[in-house]
């Protein structure tokens, strides 16, 4: 199941967005300011989503030796 959350670009971006948003929302609840949590969650979620979409790629399952031998 976890492989499906990072296998394709848009799904990977949505996963990272959701995780960043949820963490910031929880942080906002903990400090007593939900609006700040939502504001930071949207901003960081968007940044993390773009980063995940552009730069993070899953590895092949058969790749055990990083030297390529």
N, C-alpha and C. Protein backbone atom coordinates (compact mmCIF):
# COMPACT_ATOMS: atom_id res chain seq x y z
N UNK A 1 0.81 -1.19 0.00
CA UNK A 1 0.00 0.00 0.00
C UNK A 1 0.86 1.26 0.00
N UNK A 2 1.93 1.27 0.78
CA UNK A 2 2.78 2.46 0.86
C UNK A 2 3.45 2.75 -0.48
N UNK A 3 3.72 1.72 -1.27
CA UNK A 3 4.34 1.93 -2.58
C UNK A 3 3.43 2.76 -3.48
N UNK A 4 2.14 2.58 -3.36
CA UNK A 4 1.20 3.32 -4.18
C UNK A 4 1.16 4.80 -3.87
N UNK A 5 1.58 5.18 -2.66
CA UNK A 5 1.54 6.59 -2.27
C UNK A 5 2.72 7.39 -2.82
N UNK A 6 3.74 6.71 -3.32
CA UNK A 6 4.89 7.42 -3.87
C UNK A 6 5.25 6.97 -5.27
N UNK A 7 4.42 6.17 -5.89
CA UNK A 7 4.77 5.60 -7.19
C UNK A 7 4.63 6.59 -8.35
N UNK A 8 3.63 7.45 -8.34
CA UNK A 8 3.40 8.37 -9.45
C UNK A 8 3.48 9.81 -8.96
N UNK A 9 3.87 10.71 -9.83
CA UNK A 9 4.11 12.10 -9.48
C UNK A 9 2.98 12.81 -8.77
N UNK A 10 1.77 12.88 -9.35
CA UNK A 10 0.69 13.61 -8.69
C UNK A 10 0.28 12.98 -7.34
N UNK A 11 0.29 11.67 -7.26
CA UNK A 11 -0.06 11.00 -6.01
C UNK A 11 1.01 11.27 -4.96
N UNK A 12 2.28 11.23 -5.37
CA UNK A 12 3.39 11.52 -4.47
C UNK A 12 3.29 12.95 -3.95
N UNK A 13 2.99 13.90 -4.83
CA UNK A 13 2.87 15.30 -4.42
C UNK A 13 1.71 15.48 -3.45
N UNK A 14 0.59 14.83 -3.72
CA UNK A 14 -0.56 14.93 -2.82
C UNK A 14 -0.27 14.31 -1.46
N UNK A 15 0.48 13.23 -1.44
CA UNK A 15 0.86 12.59 -0.17
C UNK A 15 1.71 13.52 0.67
N UNK A 16 2.72 14.14 0.06
CA UNK A 16 3.58 15.05 0.80
C UNK A 16 2.82 16.30 1.22
N UNK A 17 1.93 16.81 0.37
CA UNK A 17 1.11 17.96 0.74
C UNK A 17 0.26 17.63 1.96
N UNK A 18 -0.39 16.49 1.93
CA UNK A 18 -1.27 16.10 3.03
C UNK A 18 -0.50 15.93 4.33
N UNK A 19 0.66 15.29 4.27
CA UNK A 19 1.46 15.10 5.48
C UNK A 19 1.92 16.44 6.06
N UNK A 20 2.41 17.33 5.23
CA UNK A 20 2.87 18.64 5.71
C UNK A 20 1.70 19.44 6.26
N UNK A 21 0.57 19.42 5.58
CA UNK A 21 -0.60 20.16 6.04
C UNK A 21 -1.09 19.62 7.38
N UNK A 22 -1.16 18.30 7.49
CA UNK A 22 -1.65 17.69 8.74
C UNK A 22 -0.72 18.00 9.91
N UNK A 23 0.58 17.94 9.69
CA UNK A 23 1.52 18.25 10.77
C UNK A 23 1.42 19.70 11.21
N UNK A 24 1.29 20.62 10.27
CA UNK A 24 1.17 22.02 10.64
C UNK A 24 -0.18 22.31 11.30
N UNK A 25 -1.23 21.64 10.87
CA UNK A 25 -2.53 21.81 11.50
C UNK A 25 -2.49 21.32 12.95
N UNK A 26 -1.86 20.19 13.17
CA UNK A 26 -1.71 19.68 14.54
C UNK A 26 -0.89 20.67 15.37
N UNK A 27 0.16 21.21 14.78
CA UNK A 27 0.97 22.22 15.47
C UNK A 27 0.14 23.45 15.82
N UNK A 28 -0.70 23.89 14.91
CA UNK A 28 -1.58 25.03 15.17
C UNK A 28 -2.57 24.74 16.29
N UNK A 29 -3.09 23.53 16.32
CA UNK A 29 -4.01 23.15 17.39
C UNK A 29 -3.28 23.14 18.73
N UNK A 30 -2.05 22.62 18.73
CA UNK A 30 -1.27 22.54 19.97
C UNK A 30 -0.93 23.91 20.54
N UNK A 31 -0.66 24.88 19.67
CA UNK A 31 -0.33 26.22 20.17
C UNK A 31 -1.59 27.07 20.38
N UNK A 32 -2.74 26.54 20.00
CA UNK A 32 -4.00 27.25 20.22
C UNK A 32 -4.37 28.23 19.13
N UNK A 33 -3.74 28.15 17.97
CA UNK A 33 -4.03 29.07 16.86
C UNK A 33 -4.20 28.26 15.58
N UNK A 34 -5.41 27.80 15.34
CA UNK A 34 -5.68 26.93 14.19
C UNK A 34 -5.44 27.67 12.88
N UNK A 35 -5.76 28.97 12.85
CA UNK A 35 -5.59 29.74 11.61
C UNK A 35 -4.12 29.76 11.17
N UNK A 36 -3.22 29.90 12.11
CA UNK A 36 -1.79 29.87 11.78
C UNK A 36 -1.40 28.49 11.27
N UNK A 37 -1.92 27.45 11.88
CA UNK A 37 -1.64 26.09 11.43
C UNK A 37 -2.11 25.85 10.01
N UNK A 38 -3.30 26.36 9.68
CA UNK A 38 -3.83 26.19 8.32
C UNK A 38 -3.00 27.01 7.33
N UNK A 39 -2.67 28.24 7.69
CA UNK A 39 -1.89 29.11 6.80
C UNK A 39 -0.53 28.49 6.50
N UNK A 40 0.19 28.09 7.54
CA UNK A 40 1.49 27.45 7.35
C UNK A 40 1.36 26.10 6.67
N UNK A 41 0.29 25.37 6.98
CA UNK A 41 0.07 24.06 6.36
C UNK A 41 -0.12 24.16 4.86
N UNK A 42 -0.88 25.16 4.43
CA UNK A 42 -1.07 25.34 2.98
C UNK A 42 0.23 25.73 2.30
N UNK A 43 0.98 26.63 2.92
CA UNK A 43 2.23 27.08 2.30
C UNK A 43 3.27 25.96 2.26
N UNK A 44 3.50 25.32 3.39
CA UNK A 44 4.49 24.25 3.42
C UNK A 44 4.01 23.02 2.64
N UNK A 45 2.73 22.74 2.68
CA UNK A 45 2.19 21.63 1.91
C UNK A 45 2.42 21.82 0.43
N UNK A 46 2.18 23.04 -0.06
CA UNK A 46 2.43 23.32 -1.48
C UNK A 46 3.91 23.18 -1.81
N UNK A 47 4.76 23.71 -0.95
CA UNK A 47 6.21 23.61 -1.20
C UNK A 47 6.67 22.17 -1.19
N UNK A 48 6.23 21.39 -0.20
CA UNK A 48 6.62 19.98 -0.12
C UNK A 48 6.06 19.19 -1.29
N UNK A 49 4.83 19.50 -1.71
CA UNK A 49 4.23 18.81 -2.85
C UNK A 49 5.00 19.04 -4.13
N UNK A 50 5.38 20.29 -4.38
CA UNK A 50 6.17 20.61 -5.58
C UNK A 50 7.52 19.92 -5.51
N UNK A 51 8.17 19.97 -4.36
CA UNK A 51 9.46 19.31 -4.19
C UNK A 51 9.34 17.81 -4.45
N UNK A 52 8.31 17.17 -3.89
CA UNK A 52 8.13 15.73 -4.06
C UNK A 52 7.86 15.39 -5.53
N UNK A 53 7.06 16.21 -6.19
CA UNK A 53 6.72 15.95 -7.59
C UNK A 53 7.94 16.06 -8.49
N UNK A 54 8.78 17.05 -8.23
CA UNK A 54 9.91 17.30 -9.12
C UNK A 54 11.16 16.50 -8.81
N UNK A 55 11.43 16.24 -7.53
CA UNK A 55 12.74 15.71 -7.17
C UNK A 55 12.77 14.32 -6.55
N UNK A 56 11.69 13.86 -6.00
CA UNK A 56 11.72 12.56 -5.32
C UNK A 56 11.22 11.48 -6.26
N UNK A 57 12.01 10.45 -6.41
CA UNK A 57 11.66 9.31 -7.27
C UNK A 57 11.82 8.02 -6.47
N UNK A 58 10.89 7.09 -6.58
CA UNK A 58 11.06 5.80 -5.89
C UNK A 58 12.18 4.99 -6.53
N UNK A 59 12.85 4.20 -5.73
CA UNK A 59 13.94 3.35 -6.24
C UNK A 59 13.36 2.06 -6.80
N UNK A 60 14.12 1.41 -7.65
CA UNK A 60 13.73 0.11 -8.17
C UNK A 60 13.92 -0.93 -7.08
N UNK A 61 13.04 -1.93 -7.07
CA UNK A 61 13.13 -2.97 -6.04
C UNK A 61 14.37 -3.83 -6.21
N UNK A 62 14.88 -3.98 -7.43
CA UNK A 62 16.03 -4.83 -7.69
C UNK A 62 17.36 -4.13 -7.47
N UNK A 63 17.34 -2.90 -7.06
CA UNK A 63 18.55 -2.12 -6.88
C UNK A 63 19.12 -2.34 -5.48
N UNK A 64 19.98 -3.36 -5.32
CA UNK A 64 20.58 -3.64 -4.02
C UNK A 64 21.98 -3.05 -3.90
N UNK A 65 22.72 -3.04 -5.02
CA UNK A 65 24.11 -2.60 -5.00
C UNK A 65 24.21 -1.21 -5.64
N UNK A 66 24.48 -0.16 -4.86
CA UNK A 66 24.54 1.17 -5.42
C UNK A 66 25.71 1.40 -6.38
N UNK A 67 26.73 0.52 -6.35
CA UNK A 67 27.87 0.70 -7.24
C UNK A 67 27.56 0.26 -8.66
N UNK A 68 26.47 -0.46 -8.86
CA UNK A 68 26.08 -0.90 -10.19
C UNK A 68 26.76 -2.17 -10.66
N UNK A 69 27.46 -2.85 -9.79
CA UNK A 69 28.17 -4.08 -10.19
C UNK A 69 27.32 -5.30 -10.00
